Amino acid sequence: MQDLGKTLVIAGLALAAVGALLWLGRGFRLPGDIFVERENFRFGFPIATCIVLSIVLTILLNLFRR
Protein backbone atom coordinates (compact mmCIF):
# COMPACT_ATOMS: atom_id res chain seq x y z
CA MET A 1 0.00 0.00 0.00
CA GLN A 2 2.92 2.34 0.65
CA ASP A 3 4.18 1.85 -2.90
CA LEU A 4 0.85 2.99 -4.28
CA GLY A 5 0.98 6.11 -2.13
CA LYS A 6 4.47 6.98 -3.35
CA THR A 7 3.44 6.40 -6.95
CA LEU A 8 0.41 8.65 -6.58
CA VAL A 9 2.52 11.44 -5.04
CA ILE A 10 5.08 11.22 -7.86
CA ALA A 11 2.33 11.18 -10.50
CA GLY A 12 0.68 14.20 -8.85
CA LEU A 13 3.94 16.14 -8.79
CA ALA A 14 4.59 15.32 -12.43
CA LEU A 15 1.08 16.43 -13.37
CA ALA A 16 1.54 19.67 -11.42
CA ALA A 17 4.85 20.33 -13.21
CA VAL A 18 3.26 19.84 -16.63
CA GLY A 19 0.35 22.06 -15.60
CA ALA A 20 2.76 24.79 -14.49
CA LEU A 21 4.58 24.62 -17.82
CA LEU A 22 1.33 24.95 -19.73
CA TRP A 23 0.10 27.76 -17.49
CA LEU A 24 3.28 29.84 -17.54
CA GLY A 25 4.11 29.63 -21.19
CA ARG A 26 2.81 28.43 -24.46
CA GLY A 27 3.33 24.91 -23.25
CA PHE A 28 5.87 22.60 -24.71
CA ARG A 29 6.21 21.71 -28.34
CA LEU A 30 8.03 18.72 -29.64
CA PRO A 31 9.69 18.73 -33.06
CA GLY A 32 6.94 16.62 -34.63
CA ASP A 33 4.11 18.97 -33.64
CA ILE A 34 2.27 20.77 -36.44
CA PHE A 35 1.43 24.45 -35.92
CA VAL A 36 0.35 26.86 -38.65
CA GLU A 37 -0.06 30.55 -37.86
CA ARG A 38 -1.33 33.02 -40.42
CA GLU A 39 -2.86 36.49 -40.19
CA ASN A 40 -6.37 35.52 -39.05
CA PHE A 41 -5.90 31.80 -38.65
CA ARG A 42 -4.11 29.57 -36.18
CA PHE A 43 -4.11 25.77 -36.29
CA GLY A 44 -2.24 23.39 -34.07
CA PHE A 45 -2.08 19.62 -33.95
CA PRO A 46 0.49 18.32 -31.45
CA ILE A 47 0.97 14.86 -32.97
CA ALA A 48 4.34 14.15 -31.32
CA THR A 49 3.08 15.34 -27.94
CA CYS A 50 0.04 13.07 -28.26
CA ILE A 51 2.25 10.08 -29.03
CA VAL A 52 4.57 10.78 -26.08
CA LEU A 53 1.63 11.25 -23.70
CA SER A 54 0.06 8.03 -24.97
CA ILE A 55 3.26 6.08 -24.31
CA VAL A 56 3.68 7.56 -20.82
CA LEU A 57 0.05 6.91 -19.88
CA THR A 58 0.25 3.35 -21.21
CA ILE A 59 3.30 2.67 -19.04
CA LEU A 60 1.66 4.22 -15.97
CA LEU A 61 -1.57 2.29 -16.42
CA ASN A 62 0.33 -0.97 -16.90
CA LEU A 63 2.21 -0.29 -13.66
CA PHE A 64 -1.06 0.27 -11.78
CA ARG A 65 -2.61 -2.96 -13.10
CA ARG A 66 0.18 -5.11 -11.66
PDB file of N, CA and C in Angstrom:
ATOM      1  N   MET A   1       0.811  -1.173   0.000  1.00  0.00           N
ATOM      2  CA  MET A   1       0.000   0.000   0.000  1.00  0.00           C
ATOM      3  C   MET A   1       0.870   1.258   0.000  1.00  0.00           C
ATOM      4  N   GLN A   2       2.033   1.190   0.611  1.00  0.00           N
ATOM      5  CA  GLN A   2       2.921   2.342   0.650  1.00  0.00           C
ATOM      6  C   GLN A   2       3.462   2.658  -0.745  1.00  0.00           C
ATOM      7  N   ASP A   3       3.695   1.628  -1.541  1.00  0.00           N
ATOM      8  CA  ASP A   3       4.185   1.854  -2.901  1.00  0.00           C
ATOM      9  C   ASP A   3       3.164   2.608  -3.737  1.00  0.00           C
ATOM     10  N   LEU A   4       1.908   2.298  -3.557  1.00  0.00           N
ATOM     11  CA  LEU A   4       0.853   2.986  -4.279  1.00  0.00           C
ATOM     12  C   LEU A   4       0.811   4.455  -3.880  1.00  0.00           C
ATOM     13  N   GLY A   5       0.963   4.733  -2.602  1.00  0.00           N
ATOM     14  CA  GLY A   5       0.980   6.112  -2.127  1.00  0.00           C
ATOM     15  C   GLY A   5       2.132   6.904  -2.722  1.00  0.00           C
ATOM     16  N   LYS A   6       3.306   6.312  -2.763  1.00  0.00           N
ATOM     17  CA  LYS A   6       4.471   6.977  -3.353  1.00  0.00           C
ATOM     18  C   LYS A   6       4.255   7.232  -4.838  1.00  0.00           C
ATOM     19  N   THR A   7       3.692   6.256  -5.521  1.00  0.00           N
ATOM     20  CA  THR A   7       3.441   6.400  -6.954  1.00  0.00           C
ATOM     21  C   THR A   7       2.441   7.515  -7.217  1.00  0.00           C
ATOM     22  N   LEU A   8       1.408   7.599  -6.408  1.00  0.00           N
ATOM     23  CA  LEU A   8       0.413   8.653  -6.581  1.00  0.00           C
ATOM     24  C   LEU A   8       1.000  10.038  -6.315  1.00  0.00           C
ATOM     25  N   VAL A   9       1.874  10.149  -5.322  1.00  0.00           N
ATOM     26  CA  VAL A   9       2.519  11.437  -5.039  1.00  0.00           C
ATOM     27  C   VAL A   9       3.412  11.842  -6.201  1.00  0.00           C
ATOM     28  N   ILE A  10       4.191  10.916  -6.727  1.00  0.00           N
ATOM     29  CA  ILE A  10       5.075  11.218  -7.859  1.00  0.00           C
ATOM     30  C   ILE A  10       4.262  11.592  -9.087  1.00  0.00           C
ATOM     31  N   ALA A  11       3.186  10.862  -9.359  1.00  0.00           N
ATOM     32  CA  ALA A  11       2.334  11.180 -10.505  1.00  0.00           C
ATOM     33  C   ALA A  11       1.685  12.556 -10.330  1.00  0.00           C
ATOM     34  N   GLY A  12       1.270  12.883  -9.118  1.00  0.00           N
ATOM     35  CA  GLY A  12       0.681  14.195  -8.848  1.00  0.00           C
ATOM     36  C   GLY A  12       1.677  15.319  -9.041  1.00  0.00           C
ATOM     37  N   LEU A  13       2.906  15.127  -8.589  1.00  0.00           N
ATOM     38  CA  LEU A  13       3.940  16.144  -8.785  1.00  0.00           C
ATOM     39  C   LEU A  13       4.276  16.330 -10.262  1.00  0.00           C
ATOM     40  N   ALA A  14       4.322  15.225 -11.000  1.00  0.00           N
ATOM     41  CA  ALA A  14       4.591  15.319 -12.434  1.00  0.00           C
ATOM     42  C   ALA A  14       3.459  16.051 -13.148  1.00  0.00           C
ATOM     43  N   LEU A  15       2.234  15.758 -12.777  1.00  0.00           N
ATOM     44  CA  LEU A  15       1.081  16.430 -13.368  1.00  0.00           C
ATOM     45  C   LEU A  15       1.095  17.925 -13.033  1.00  0.00           C
ATOM     46  N   ALA A  16       1.459  18.262 -11.811  1.00  0.00           N
ATOM     47  CA  ALA A  16       1.540  19.671 -11.419  1.00  0.00           C
ATOM     48  C   ALA A  16       2.639  20.389 -12.200  1.00  0.00           C
ATOM     49  N   ALA A  17       3.761  19.721 -12.443  1.00  0.00           N
ATOM     50  CA  ALA A  17       4.849  20.331 -13.207  1.00  0.00           C
ATOM     51  C   ALA A  17       4.422  20.591 -14.653  1.00  0.00           C
ATOM     52  N   VAL A  18       3.742  19.648 -15.253  1.00  0.00           N
ATOM     53  CA  VAL A  18       3.256  19.837 -16.626  1.00  0.00           C
ATOM     54  C   VAL A  18       2.220  20.951 -16.667  1.00  0.00           C
ATOM     55  N   GLY A  19       1.341  20.999 -15.683  1.00  0.00           N
ATOM     56  CA  GLY A  19       0.353  22.064 -15.605  1.00  0.00           C
ATOM     57  C   GLY A  19       0.993  23.433 -15.459  1.00  0.00           C
ATOM     58  N   ALA A  20       2.046  23.517 -14.657  1.00  0.00           N
ATOM     59  CA  ALA A  20       2.760  24.788 -14.490  1.00  0.00           C
ATOM     60  C   ALA A  20       3.414  25.226 -15.799  1.00  0.00           C
ATOM     61  N   LEU A  21       3.986  24.284 -16.528  1.00  0.00           N
ATOM     62  CA  LEU A  21       4.583  24.621 -17.824  1.00  0.00           C
ATOM     63  C   LEU A  21       3.538  25.150 -18.796  1.00  0.00           C
ATOM     64  N   LEU A  22       2.390  24.520 -18.825  1.00  0.00           N
ATOM     65  CA  LEU A  22       1.329  24.952 -19.727  1.00  0.00           C
ATOM     66  C   LEU A  22       0.752  26.296 -19.300  1.00  0.00           C
ATOM     67  N   TRP A  23       0.691  26.537 -18.018  1.00  0.00           N
ATOM     68  CA  TRP A  23       0.098  27.759 -17.495  1.00  0.00           C
ATOM     69  C   TRP A  23       1.032  28.955 -17.685  1.00  0.00           C
ATOM     70  N   LEU A  24       2.319  28.748 -17.476  1.00  0.00           N
ATOM     71  CA  LEU A  24       3.282  29.843 -17.535  1.00  0.00           C
ATOM     72  C   LEU A  24       3.659  30.241 -18.962  1.00  0.00           C
ATOM     73  N   GLY A  25       3.667  29.323 -19.839  1.00  0.00           N
ATOM     74  CA  GLY A  25       4.110  29.633 -21.192  1.00  0.00           C
ATOM     75  C   GLY A  25       3.133  29.123 -22.221  1.00  0.00           C
ATOM     76  N   ARG A  26       3.633  28.959 -23.380  1.00  0.00           N
ATOM     77  CA  ARG A  26       2.811  28.429 -24.462  1.00  0.00           C
ATOM     78  C   ARG A  26       2.788  26.910 -24.422  1.00  0.00           C
ATOM     79  N   GLY A  27       3.280  26.365 -23.358  1.00  0.00           N
ATOM     80  CA  GLY A  27       3.330  24.913 -23.254  1.00  0.00           C
ATOM     81  C   GLY A  27       4.638  24.401 -23.832  1.00  0.00           C
ATOM     82  N   PHE A  28       4.670  23.166 -24.100  1.00  0.00           N
ATOM     83  CA  PHE A  28       5.867  22.597 -24.708  1.00  0.00           C
ATOM     84  C   PHE A  28       5.497  22.051 -26.074  1.00  0.00           C
ATOM     85  N   ARG A  29       6.421  22.206 -26.977  1.00  0.00           N
ATOM     86  CA  ARG A  29       6.212  21.711 -28.337  1.00  0.00           C
ATOM     87  C   ARG A  29       7.370  20.796 -28.702  1.00  0.00           C
ATOM     88  N   LEU A  30       7.017  19.657 -29.168  1.00  0.00           N
ATOM     89  CA  LEU A  30       8.029  18.718 -29.638  1.00  0.00           C
ATOM     90  C   LEU A  30       8.254  18.939 -31.131  1.00  0.00           C
ATOM     91  N   PRO A  31       9.390  18.482 -31.650  1.00  0.00           N
ATOM     92  CA  PRO A  31       9.693  18.725 -33.063  1.00  0.00           C
ATOM     93  C   PRO A  31       8.672  18.179 -34.055  1.00  0.00           C
ATOM     94  N   GLY A  32       7.906  17.187 -33.708  1.00  0.00           N
ATOM     95  CA  GLY A  32       6.941  16.619 -34.635  1.00  0.00           C
ATOM     96  C   GLY A  32       5.569  17.277 -34.598  1.00  0.00           C
ATOM     97  N   ASP A  33       5.395  18.289 -33.742  1.00  0.00           N
ATOM     98  CA  ASP A  33       4.107  18.969 -33.644  1.00  0.00           C
ATOM     99  C   ASP A  33       3.879  19.873 -34.845  1.00  0.00           C
ATOM    100  N   ILE A  34       2.621  19.971 -35.258  1.00  0.00           N
ATOM    101  CA  ILE A  34       2.271  20.771 -36.436  1.00  0.00           C
ATOM    102  C   ILE A  34       1.519  22.019 -35.963  1.00  0.00           C
ATOM    103  N   PHE A  35       2.074  23.191 -36.246  1.00  0.00           N
ATOM    104  CA  PHE A  35       1.428  24.447 -35.918  1.00  0.00           C
ATOM    105  C   PHE A  35       1.538  25.383 -37.112  1.00  0.00           C
ATOM    106  N   VAL A  36       0.404  25.921 -37.532  1.00  0.00           N
ATOM    107  CA  VAL A  36       0.353  26.857 -38.647  1.00  0.00           C
ATOM    108  C   VAL A  36      -0.262  28.153 -38.129  1.00  0.00           C
ATOM    109  N   GLU A  37       0.460  29.252 -38.277  1.00  0.00           N
ATOM    110  CA  GLU A  37      -0.060  30.548 -37.857  1.00  0.00           C
ATOM    111  C   GLU A  37      -0.036  31.492 -39.047  1.00  0.00           C
ATOM    112  N   ARG A  38      -1.194  32.037 -39.350  1.00  0.00           N
ATOM    113  CA  ARG A  38      -1.330  33.023 -40.421  1.00  0.00           C
ATOM    114  C   ARG A  38      -1.943  34.279 -39.826  1.00  0.00           C
ATOM    115  N   GLU A  39      -2.326  35.217 -40.675  1.00  0.00           N
ATOM    116  CA  GLU A  39      -2.859  36.485 -40.185  1.00  0.00           C
ATOM    117  C   GLU A  39      -4.088  36.304 -39.298  1.00  0.00           C
ATOM    118  N   ASN A  40      -5.120  35.690 -39.808  1.00  0.00           N
ATOM    119  CA  ASN A  40      -6.366  35.523 -39.055  1.00  0.00           C
ATOM    120  C   ASN A  40      -6.673  34.067 -38.754  1.00  0.00           C
ATOM    121  N   PHE A  41      -5.666  33.236 -38.770  1.00  0.00           N
ATOM    122  CA  PHE A  41      -5.896  31.796 -38.648  1.00  0.00           C
ATOM    123  C   PHE A  41      -4.760  31.174 -37.867  1.00  0.00           C
ATOM    124  N   ARG A  42      -5.121  30.305 -36.932  1.00  0.00           N
ATOM    125  CA  ARG A  42      -4.109  29.572 -36.181  1.00  0.00           C
ATOM    126  C   ARG A  42      -4.602  28.138 -36.001  1.00  0.00           C
ATOM    127  N   PHE A  43      -3.760  27.188 -36.373  1.00  0.00           N
ATOM    128  CA  PHE A  43      -4.109  25.774 -36.295  1.00  0.00           C
ATOM    129  C   PHE A  43      -2.958  25.031 -35.641  1.00  0.00           C
ATOM    130  N   GLY A  44      -3.283  24.174 -34.710  1.00  0.00           N
ATOM    131  CA  GLY A  44      -2.241  23.385 -34.073  1.00  0.00           C
ATOM    132  C   GLY A  44      -2.686  21.958 -33.861  1.00  0.00           C
ATOM    133  N   PHE A  45      -1.823  21.036 -34.199  1.00  0.00           N
ATOM    134  CA  PHE A  45      -2.075  19.621 -33.950  1.00  0.00           C
ATOM    135  C   PHE A  45      -0.796  19.011 -33.395  1.00  0.00           C
ATOM    136  N   PRO A  46      -0.737  18.822 -32.078  1.00  0.00           N
ATOM    137  CA  PRO A  46       0.486  18.324 -31.446  1.00  0.00           C
ATOM    138  C   PRO A  46       0.619  16.797 -31.546  1.00  0.00           C
ATOM    139  N   ILE A  47       0.912  16.301 -32.736  1.00  0.00           N
ATOM    140  CA  ILE A  47       0.967  14.856 -32.965  1.00  0.00           C
ATOM    141  C   ILE A  47       2.063  14.174 -32.138  1.00  0.00           C
ATOM    142  N   ALA A  48       3.248  14.765 -32.082  1.00  0.00           N
ATOM    143  CA  ALA A  48       4.343  14.151 -31.318  1.00  0.00           C
ATOM    144  C   ALA A  48       4.036  14.170 -29.824  1.00  0.00           C
ATOM    145  N   THR A  49       3.450  15.263 -29.347  1.00  0.00           N
ATOM    146  CA  THR A  49       3.079  15.345 -27.940  1.00  0.00           C
ATOM    147  C   THR A  49       2.024  14.306 -27.598  1.00  0.00           C
ATOM    148  N   CYS A  50       1.072  14.093 -28.476  1.00  0.00           N
ATOM    149  CA  CYS A  50       0.042  13.069 -28.257  1.00  0.00           C
ATOM    150  C   CYS A  50       0.647  11.673 -28.181  1.00  0.00           C
ATOM    151  N   ILE A  51       1.606  11.401 -29.035  1.00  0.00           N
ATOM    152  CA  ILE A  51       2.251  10.084 -29.034  1.00  0.00           C
ATOM    153  C   ILE A  51       3.033   9.874 -27.743  1.00  0.00           C
ATOM    154  N   VAL A  52       3.786  10.890 -27.319  1.00  0.00           N
ATOM    155  CA  VAL A  52       4.569  10.777 -26.083  1.00  0.00           C
ATOM    156  C   VAL A  52       3.644  10.603 -24.885  1.00  0.00           C
ATOM    157  N   LEU A  53       2.576  11.389 -24.808  1.00  0.00           N
ATOM    158  CA  LEU A  53       1.628  11.245 -23.704  1.00  0.00           C
ATOM    159  C   LEU A  53       0.964   9.873 -23.708  1.00  0.00           C
ATOM    160  N   SER A  54       0.668   9.353 -24.875  1.00  0.00           N
ATOM    161  CA  SER A  54       0.063   8.033 -24.973  1.00  0.00           C
ATOM    162  C   SER A  54       1.013   6.958 -24.443  1.00  0.00           C
ATOM    163  N   ILE A  55       2.276   7.056 -24.793  1.00  0.00           N
ATOM    164  CA  ILE A  55       3.261   6.076 -24.312  1.00  0.00           C
ATOM    165  C   ILE A  55       3.407   6.160 -22.798  1.00  0.00           C
ATOM    166  N   VAL A  56       3.508   7.382 -22.271  1.00  0.00           N
ATOM    167  CA  VAL A  56       3.676   7.564 -20.822  1.00  0.00           C
ATOM    168  C   VAL A  56       2.451   7.047 -20.070  1.00  0.00           C
ATOM    169  N   LEU A  57       1.259   7.384 -20.550  1.00  0.00           N
ATOM    170  CA  LEU A  57       0.047   6.913 -19.877  1.00  0.00           C
ATOM    171  C   LEU A  57      -0.107   5.397 -19.964  1.00  0.00           C
ATOM    172  N   THR A  58       0.296   4.811 -21.076  1.00  0.00           N
ATOM    173  CA  THR A  58       0.247   3.350 -21.210  1.00  0.00           C
ATOM    174  C   THR A  58       1.164   2.685 -20.192  1.00  0.00           C
ATOM    175  N   ILE A  59       2.354   3.224 -20.028  1.00  0.00           N
ATOM    176  CA  ILE A  59       3.297   2.673 -19.044  1.00  0.00           C
ATOM    177  C   ILE A  59       2.745   2.815 -17.638  1.00  0.00           C
ATOM    178  N   LEU A  60       2.204   4.007 -17.314  1.00  0.00           N
ATOM    179  CA  LEU A  60       1.660   4.219 -15.969  1.00  0.00           C
ATOM    180  C   LEU A  60       0.475   3.296 -15.682  1.00  0.00           C
ATOM    181  N   LEU A  61      -0.413   3.151 -16.638  1.00  0.00           N
ATOM    182  CA  LEU A  61      -1.573   2.288 -16.418  1.00  0.00           C
ATOM    183  C   LEU A  61      -1.166   0.827 -16.288  1.00  0.00           C
ATOM    184  N   ASN A  62      -0.157   0.413 -17.037  1.00  0.00           N
ATOM    185  CA  ASN A  62       0.327  -0.970 -16.899  1.00  0.00           C
ATOM    186  C   ASN A  62       0.971  -1.197 -15.542  1.00  0.00           C
ATOM    187  N   LEU A  63       1.622  -0.172 -14.991  1.00  0.00           N
ATOM    188  CA  LEU A  63       2.206  -0.293 -13.658  1.00  0.00           C
ATOM    189  C   LEU A  63       1.124  -0.412 -12.587  1.00  0.00           C
ATOM    190  N   PHE A  64       0.015   0.319 -12.753  1.00  0.00           N
ATOM    191  CA  PHE A  64      -1.064   0.272 -11.776  1.00  0.00           C
ATOM    192  C   PHE A  64      -1.820  -1.050 -11.828  1.00  0.00           C
ATOM    193  N   ARG A  65      -1.872  -1.683 -12.967  1.00  0.00           N
ATOM    194  CA  ARG A  65      -2.605  -2.959 -13.099  1.00  0.00           C
ATOM    195  C   ARG A  65      -1.899  -4.100 -12.380  1.00  0.00           C
ATOM    196  N   ARG A  66      -0.582  -4.011 -12.262  1.00  0.00           N
ATOM    197  CA  ARG A  66       0.178  -5.114 -11.658  1.00  0.00           C
ATOM    198  C   ARG A  66       0.196  -5.048 -10.175  1.00  0.00           C
TER     199      ARG A  66
END
